[in-house]
Protein backbone atom coordinates (compact mmCIF):
# COMPACT_ATOMS: atom_id res chain seq x y z
CA MET A 1 -7.50 1.00 -8.91
CA TYR A 2 -5.53 -2.10 -7.93
CA ALA A 3 -3.75 -2.24 -11.29
CA ARG A 4 -1.76 0.81 -10.22
CA TYR A 5 -0.06 -1.28 -7.53
CA THR A 6 0.69 -4.36 -9.65
CA ASP A 7 4.23 -3.30 -10.55
CA VAL A 8 4.93 -2.27 -6.96
CA SER A 9 3.85 -5.59 -5.49
CA SER A 10 5.99 -7.54 -7.97
CA ALA A 11 9.07 -5.35 -7.39
CA ASP A 12 11.83 -6.26 -4.94
CA LEU A 13 10.57 -3.93 -2.23
CA GLY A 14 10.66 -4.86 1.42
CA PRO A 15 7.48 -4.52 3.46
CA HIS A 16 8.57 -1.20 4.96
CA GLU A 17 9.32 0.36 1.57
CA LEU A 18 5.99 -0.88 0.26
CA ILE A 19 4.12 0.50 3.28
CA SER A 20 5.93 3.82 2.91
CA LEU A 21 4.97 4.05 -0.75
CA VAL A 22 1.36 3.08 -0.11
CA SER A 23 1.18 5.54 2.79
CA SER A 24 2.38 8.38 0.56
CA LEU A 25 -0.32 7.48 -1.95
CA LEU A 26 -2.87 7.50 0.85
CA LEU A 27 -2.08 11.13 1.57
CA GLU A 28 -3.51 11.82 -1.90
CA GLU A 29 -6.43 9.39 -1.57
CA ASN A 30 -7.89 9.82 1.90
CA GLN A 31 -11.01 7.78 1.20
CA GLN A 32 -8.85 4.71 0.53
CA ARG A 33 -6.92 5.09 3.79
CA ILE A 34 -9.01 2.70 5.86
CA VAL A 35 -9.03 0.07 3.11
CA TRP A 36 -5.24 0.14 2.81
CA GLN A 37 -4.75 0.32 6.56
CA CYS A 38 -6.70 -2.93 6.90
CA PHE A 39 -4.68 -4.43 4.02
CA VAL A 40 -1.36 -3.45 5.62
CA GLU A 41 -2.40 -4.79 9.02
CA THR A 42 -3.35 -8.09 7.37
CA LEU A 43 -0.03 -8.16 5.53
CA LEU A 44 1.92 -7.68 8.76
CA ASP A 45 0.00 -10.30 10.76
């Protein structure tokens, strides 16, 4: 699953663009929402 995000994380995206992209993916993958929410909160700390 994480391999899908490898190119995104290495791209020149700011945190807000990355969060927006991840959030749009979460709309498709509801069961991953809590996992990514925790990840994003950790990233922003």
